C-alpha atoms as a PDB file:
ATOM      1  CA  UNK A   1    -100.738  44.745  -8.551  1.00  0.00           C
ATOM      2  CA  UNK A   2     -99.089  45.972 -11.704  1.00  0.00           C
ATOM      3  CA  UNK A   3     -99.207  44.315 -15.110  1.00  0.00           C
ATOM      4  CA  UNK A   4     -97.073  43.975 -18.172  1.00  0.00           C
ATOM      5  CA  UNK A   5     -98.034  43.076 -21.712  1.00  0.00           C
ATOM      6  CA  UNK A   6     -95.617  40.618 -23.306  1.00  0.00           C
ATOM      7  CA  UNK A   7     -95.210  39.656 -26.948  1.00  0.00           C
ATOM      8  CA  UNK A   8     -92.608  37.994 -29.140  1.00  0.00           C
ATOM      9  CA  UNK A   9     -91.321  38.332 -32.678  1.00  0.00           C
ATOM     10  CA  UNK A  10     -88.725  36.692 -34.899  1.00  0.00           C
ATOM     11  CA  UNK A  11     -87.912  40.063 -36.457  1.00  0.00           C
ATOM     12  CA  UNK A  12     -85.776  42.798 -34.950  1.00  0.00           C
ATOM     13  CA  UNK A  13     -87.493  45.288 -37.273  1.00  0.00           C
ATOM     14  CA  UNK A  14     -90.941  44.382 -35.875  1.00  0.00           C
ATOM     15  CA  UNK A  15     -89.667  44.872 -32.326  1.00  0.00           C
ATOM     16  CA  UNK A  16     -88.022  48.187 -33.229  1.00  0.00           C
ATOM     17  CA  UNK A  17     -91.250  49.335 -34.913  1.00  0.00           C
ATOM     18  CA  UNK A  18     -93.200  48.327 -31.785  1.00  0.00           C
ATOM     19  CA  UNK A  19     -90.779  50.226 -29.527  1.00  0.00           C
ATOM     20  CA  UNK A  20     -91.055  53.305 -31.784  1.00  0.00           C
ATOM     21  CA  UNK A  21     -94.884  53.090 -31.779  1.00  0.00           C
ATOM     22  CA  UNK A  22     -95.011  52.612 -28.005  1.00  0.00           C
ATOM     23  CA  UNK A  23     -92.773  55.631 -27.448  1.00  0.00           C
ATOM     24  CA  UNK A  24     -94.780  57.707 -29.966  1.00  0.00           C
ATOM     25  CA  UNK A  25     -97.912  56.920 -27.921  1.00  0.00           C
ATOM     26  CA  UNK A  26     -96.198  58.374 -24.847  1.00  0.00           C
ATOM     27  CA  UNK A  27     -94.939  55.219 -23.158  1.00  0.00           C
ATOM     28  CA  UNK A  28     -91.622  55.821 -21.435  1.00  0.00           C
ATOM     29  CA  UNK A  29     -88.592  53.833 -22.535  1.00  0.00           C
ATOM     30  CA  UNK A  30     -88.188  52.976 -18.830  1.00  0.00           C
ATOM     31  CA  UNK A  31     -91.406  50.900 -19.119  1.00  0.00           C
ATOM     32  CA  UNK A  32     -90.221  48.904 -22.150  1.00  0.00           C
ATOM     33  CA  UNK A  33     -88.062  45.770 -21.914  1.00  0.00           C
ATOM     34  CA  UNK A  34     -86.474  43.586 -24.587  1.00  0.00           C
ATOM     35  CA  UNK A  35     -84.779  40.188 -24.287  1.00  0.00           C
ATOM     36  CA  UNK A  36     -82.959  38.683 -27.258  1.00  0.00           C
ATOM     37  CA  UNK A  37     -80.398  35.933 -27.797  1.00  0.00           C
ATOM     38  CA  UNK A  38     -76.920  37.449 -27.879  1.00  0.00           C
ATOM     39  CA  UNK A  39     -76.552  36.229 -31.453  1.00  0.00           C
ATOM     40  CA  UNK A  40     -79.257  38.730 -32.398  1.00  0.00           C
ATOM     41  CA  UNK A  41     -81.489  36.237 -34.190  1.00  0.00           C
ATOM     42  CA  UNK A  42     -81.869  32.634 -35.184  1.00  0.00           C
ATOM     43  CA  UNK A  43     -78.809  30.682 -34.037  1.00  0.00           C
ATOM     44  CA  UNK A  44     -76.405  29.019 -36.445  1.00  0.00           C
ATOM     45  CA  UNK A  45     -76.560  25.241 -36.365  1.00  0.00           C
ATOM     46  CA  UNK A  46     -73.169  24.632 -37.969  1.00  0.00           C
ATOM     47  CA  UNK A  47     -69.934  24.071 -36.080  1.00  0.00           C
ATOM     48  CA  UNK A  48     -66.720  25.923 -36.822  1.00  0.00           C
ATOM     49  CA  UNK A  49     -63.372  25.122 -35.208  1.00  0.00           C
ATOM     50  CA  UNK A  50     -61.581  28.401 -34.572  1.00  0.00           C
ATOM     51  CA  UNK A  51     -60.304  30.669 -31.855  1.00  0.00           C
ATOM     52  CA  UNK A  52     -62.610  32.565 -29.514  1.00  0.00           C
ATOM     53  CA  UNK A  53     -61.531  35.907 -31.029  1.00  0.00           C
ATOM     54  CA  UNK A  54     -64.269  35.993 -33.714  1.00  0.00           C
ATOM     55  CA  UNK A  55     -66.866  35.062 -31.069  1.00  0.00           C
ATOM     56  CA  UNK A  56     -65.793  37.998 -28.914  1.00  0.00           C
ATOM     57  CA  UNK A  57     -65.855  40.342 -31.882  1.00  0.00           C
ATOM     58  CA  UNK A  58     -69.345  39.150 -32.858  1.00  0.00           C
ATOM     59  CA  UNK A  59     -70.620  39.647 -29.316  1.00  0.00           C
ATOM     60  CA  UNK A  60     -69.236  43.172 -29.262  1.00  0.00           C
ATOM     61  CA  UNK A  61     -70.739  43.953 -32.656  1.00  0.00           C
ATOM     62  CA  UNK A  62     -74.185  42.666 -31.670  1.00  0.00           C
ATOM     63  CA  UNK A  63     -74.185  44.536 -28.352  1.00  0.00           C
ATOM     64  CA  UNK A  64     -72.856  47.639 -30.082  1.00  0.00           C
ATOM     65  CA  UNK A  65     -75.488  47.329 -32.817  1.00  0.00           C
ATOM     66  CA  UNK A  66     -78.236  46.979 -30.245  1.00  0.00           C
ATOM     67  CA  UNK A  67     -76.930  49.945 -28.279  1.00  0.00           C
ATOM     68  CA  UNK A  68     -76.751  52.092 -31.402  1.00  0.00           C
ATOM     69  CA  UNK A  69     -80.280  51.490 -32.686  1.00  0.00           C
ATOM     70  CA  UNK A  70     -83.795  52.108 -31.439  1.00  0.00           C
ATOM     71  CA  UNK A  71     -83.445  49.327 -28.884  1.00  0.00           C
ATOM     72  CA  UNK A  72     -80.261  50.917 -27.581  1.00  0.00           C
ATOM     73  CA  UNK A  73     -82.300  53.843 -26.275  1.00  0.00           C
ATOM     74  CA  UNK A  74     -83.925  51.593 -23.682  1.00  0.00           C
ATOM     75  CA  UNK A  75     -82.709  51.784 -20.095  1.00  0.00           C
ATOM     76  CA  UNK A  76     -80.363  49.288 -18.479  1.00  0.00           C
ATOM     77  CA  UNK A  77     -78.983  47.498 -21.536  1.00  0.00           C
ATOM     78  CA  UNK A  78     -76.598  44.662 -20.787  1.00  0.00           C
ATOM     79  CA  UNK A  79     -75.588  41.082 -21.387  1.00  0.00           C
ATOM     80  CA  UNK A  80     -76.442  38.170 -19.133  1.00  0.00           C
ATOM     81  CA  UNK A  81     -76.244  34.401 -19.235  1.00  0.00           C
ATOM     82  CA  UNK A  82     -79.193  32.222 -18.323  1.00  0.00           C
ATOM     83  CA  UNK A  83     -77.916  28.811 -17.179  1.00  0.00           C
ATOM     84  CA  UNK A  84     -78.708  25.974 -19.549  1.00  0.00           C
ATOM     85  CA  UNK A  85     -79.730  28.321 -22.355  1.00  0.00           C
ATOM     86  CA  UNK A  86     -76.895  30.721 -23.053  1.00  0.00           C
ATOM     87  CA  UNK A  87     -76.049  34.397 -23.415  1.00  0.00           C
ATOM     88  CA  UNK A  88     -78.686  37.096 -23.875  1.00  0.00           C
ATOM     89  CA  UNK A  89     -78.887  40.830 -24.288  1.00  0.00           C
ATOM     90  CA  UNK A  90     -81.573  42.511 -22.220  1.00  0.00           C
ATOM     91  CA  UNK A  91     -82.753  46.094 -21.931  1.00  0.00           C
ATOM     92  CA  UNK A  92     -85.213  47.827 -19.653  1.00  0.00           C
ATOM     93  CA  UNK A  93     -86.662  46.731 -16.313  1.00  0.00           C
ATOM     94  CA  UNK A  94     -86.554  43.094 -17.414  1.00  0.00           C
ATOM     95  CA  UNK A  95     -82.736  43.300 -17.259  1.00  0.00           C
ATOM     96  CA  UNK A  96     -82.564  43.633 -13.472  1.00  0.00           C
ATOM     97  CA  UNK A  97     -85.291  41.067 -12.895  1.00  0.00           C
ATOM     98  CA  UNK A  98     -83.735  38.521 -15.227  1.00  0.00           C
ATOM     99  CA  UNK A  99     -80.251  39.089 -13.861  1.00  0.00           C
ATOM    100  CA  UNK A 100     -81.425  38.146 -10.377  1.00  0.00           C
ATOM    101  CA  UNK A 101     -83.676  35.366 -11.605  1.00  0.00           C
ATOM    102  CA  UNK A 102     -80.965  33.946 -13.873  1.00  0.00           C
ATOM    103  CA  UNK A 103     -78.553  33.635 -10.985  1.00  0.00           C
ATOM    104  CA  UNK A 104     -81.087  31.621  -9.005  1.00  0.00           C
ATOM    105  CA  UNK A 105     -82.547  29.645 -11.897  1.00  0.00           C
ATOM    106  CA  UNK A 106     -79.722  27.210 -12.613  1.00  0.00           C
ATOM    107  CA  UNK A 107     -82.137  24.439 -13.560  1.00  0.00           C
ATOM    108  CA  UNK A 108     -84.941  26.672 -14.772  1.00  0.00           C
ATOM    109  CA  UNK A 109     -83.293  28.516 -17.659  1.00  0.00           C
ATOM    110  CA  UNK A 110     -85.487  31.100 -19.354  1.00  0.00           C
ATOM    111  CA  UNK A 111     -88.641  29.443 -17.983  1.00  0.00           C
ATOM    112  CA  UNK A 112     -87.493  29.901 -14.387  1.00  0.00           C
ATOM    113  CA  UNK A 113     -86.529  33.509 -15.013  1.00  0.00           C
ATOM    114  CA  UNK A 114     -89.804  34.349 -16.782  1.00  0.00           C
ATOM    115  CA  UNK A 115     -91.924  32.608 -14.148  1.00  0.00           C
ATOM    116  CA  UNK A 116     -90.035  34.701 -11.607  1.00  0.00           C
ATOM    117  CA  UNK A 117     -91.284  37.785 -13.476  1.00  0.00           C
ATOM    118  CA  UNK A 118     -94.900  36.625 -13.162  1.00  0.00           C
ATOM    119  CA  UNK A 119     -95.384  34.873 -16.505  1.00  0.00           C
ATOM    120  CA  UNK A 120     -97.372  31.619 -16.141  1.00  0.00           C
ATOM    121  CA  UNK A 121     -95.218  28.533 -16.652  1.00  0.00           C
ATOM    122  CA  UNK A 122     -97.015  27.339 -19.811  1.00  0.00           C
ATOM    123  CA  UNK A 123     -96.556  30.727 -21.495  1.00  0.00           C
ATOM    124  CA  UNK A 124     -92.965  30.940 -20.220  1.00  0.00           C
ATOM    125  CA  UNK A 125     -92.209  27.622 -21.957  1.00  0.00           C
ATOM    126  CA  UNK A 126     -93.649  28.946 -25.217  1.00  0.00           C
ATOM    127  CA  UNK A 127     -91.561  32.118 -24.920  1.00  0.00           C
ATOM    128  CA  UNK A 128     -88.437  30.094 -24.082  1.00  0.00           C
ATOM    129  CA  UNK A 129     -88.862  27.949 -27.215  1.00  0.00           C
ATOM    130  CA  UNK A 130     -89.352  31.046 -29.347  1.00  0.00           C
ATOM    131  CA  UNK A 131     -86.346  32.811 -27.769  1.00  0.00           C
ATOM    132  CA  UNK A 132     -84.140  29.740 -28.291  1.00  0.00           C
ATOM    133  CA  UNK A 133     -85.150  29.824 -31.964  1.00  0.00           C
ATOM    134  CA  UNK A 134     -83.949  33.432 -32.225  1.00  0.00           C
ATOM    135  CA  UNK A 135     -87.040  35.310 -31.101  1.00  0.00           C
ATOM    136  CA  UNK A 136     -87.137  38.741 -29.482  1.00  0.00           C
ATOM    137  CA  UNK A 137     -89.245  39.110 -26.315  1.00  0.00           C
ATOM    138  CA  UNK A 138     -90.836  42.519 -25.695  1.00  0.00           C
ATOM    139  CA  UNK A 139     -92.486  43.443 -22.388  1.00  0.00           C
ATOM    140  CA  UNK A 140     -94.293  46.700 -21.622  1.00  0.00           C
ATOM    141  CA  UNK A 141     -95.230  47.812 -18.114  1.00  0.00           C
ATOM    142  CA  UNK A 142     -98.844  49.005 -17.983  1.00  0.00           C
ATOM    143  CA  UNK A 143     -99.070  52.360 -16.204  1.00  0.00           C
ATOM    144  CA  UNK A 144    -102.117  54.376 -15.199  1.00  0.00           C
ATOM    145  CA  UNK A 145    -101.583  56.639 -18.220  1.00  0.00           C
ATOM    146  CA  UNK A 146    -101.826  53.821 -20.803  1.00  0.00           C
ATOM    147  CA  UNK A 147    -104.392  51.073 -21.020  1.00  0.00           C
ATOM    148  CA  UNK A 148    -103.647  47.400 -21.488  1.00  0.00           C
ATOM    149  CA  UNK A 149    -105.862  47.423 -24.594  1.00  0.00           C
ATOM    150  CA  UNK A 150    -103.872  50.267 -26.182  1.00  0.00           C
ATOM    151  CA  UNK A 151    -100.573  48.467 -25.617  1.00  0.00           C
ATOM    152  CA  UNK A 152    -101.966  45.182 -26.974  1.00  0.00           C
ATOM    153  CA  UNK A 153    -103.209  47.007 -30.083  1.00  0.00           C
ATOM    154  CA  UNK A 154     -99.790  48.526 -30.743  1.00  0.00           C
ATOM    155  CA  UNK A 155     -98.077  45.133 -30.403  1.00  0.00           C
ATOM    156  CA  UNK A 156    -100.644  43.491 -32.700  1.00  0.00           C
ATOM    157  CA  UNK A 157    -100.307  46.291 -35.248  1.00  0.00           C
ATOM    158  CA  UNK A 158     -96.530  45.701 -35.251  1.00  0.00           C
ATOM    159  CA  UNK A 159     -97.068  41.964 -35.878  1.00  0.00           C
ATOM    160  CA  UNK A 160     -95.854  40.649 -32.511  1.00  0.00           C
ATOM    161  CA  UNK A 161     -97.220  37.234 -31.562  1.00  0.00           C
ATOM    162  CA  UNK A 162     -98.198  35.323 -28.419  1.00  0.00           C
ATOM    163  CA  UNK A 163     -99.291  38.568 -26.763  1.00  0.00           C
ATOM    164  CA  UNK A 164    -100.411  38.169 -23.180  1.00  0.00           C
ATOM    165  CA  UNK A 165    -100.849  40.120 -19.963  1.00  0.00           C
ATOM    166  CA  UNK A 166     -98.892  39.098 -16.900  1.00  0.00           C
ATOM    167  CA  UNK A 167     -99.090  40.197 -13.287  1.00  0.00           C
ATOM    168  CA  UNK A 168     -95.706  41.477 -12.197  1.00  0.00           C
ATOM    169  CA  UNK A 169     -94.279  40.007  -9.024  1.00  0.00           C
END
């Protein structure tokens, strides 16, 4: 069975630094996944009455900004909606898994999708709360060439939190 190491951060810079450090250590971008709220950070709590045009422009700018930076170098970048939670941008292997899980997780939201990836339900709930608050989820597939301990150390060094190992399904 294969494993992934998962961590979360409230800072895009921390996640970008982690991705850079992982790649510098020889980990392929194909083994790195990121999931972030489409807003790109902590959500606004205010309400504005306006047309949907600014919303569309913001979505395009966030996706374009993600695609143009370090995170944009990851494979399979795209937008998806997880029922009951909202729109997300995902990159890497987690994109395909979450796309399928999101379609079947109408009542489960992020928790259902993450549990479908092999993350224990209690940890999935913690990640969901952090993601809803604007957090960035980073997952790294552990290959034979890189140890779990090395990946954990890189994520810790880059100040990611709630780091855990999960068995991929």
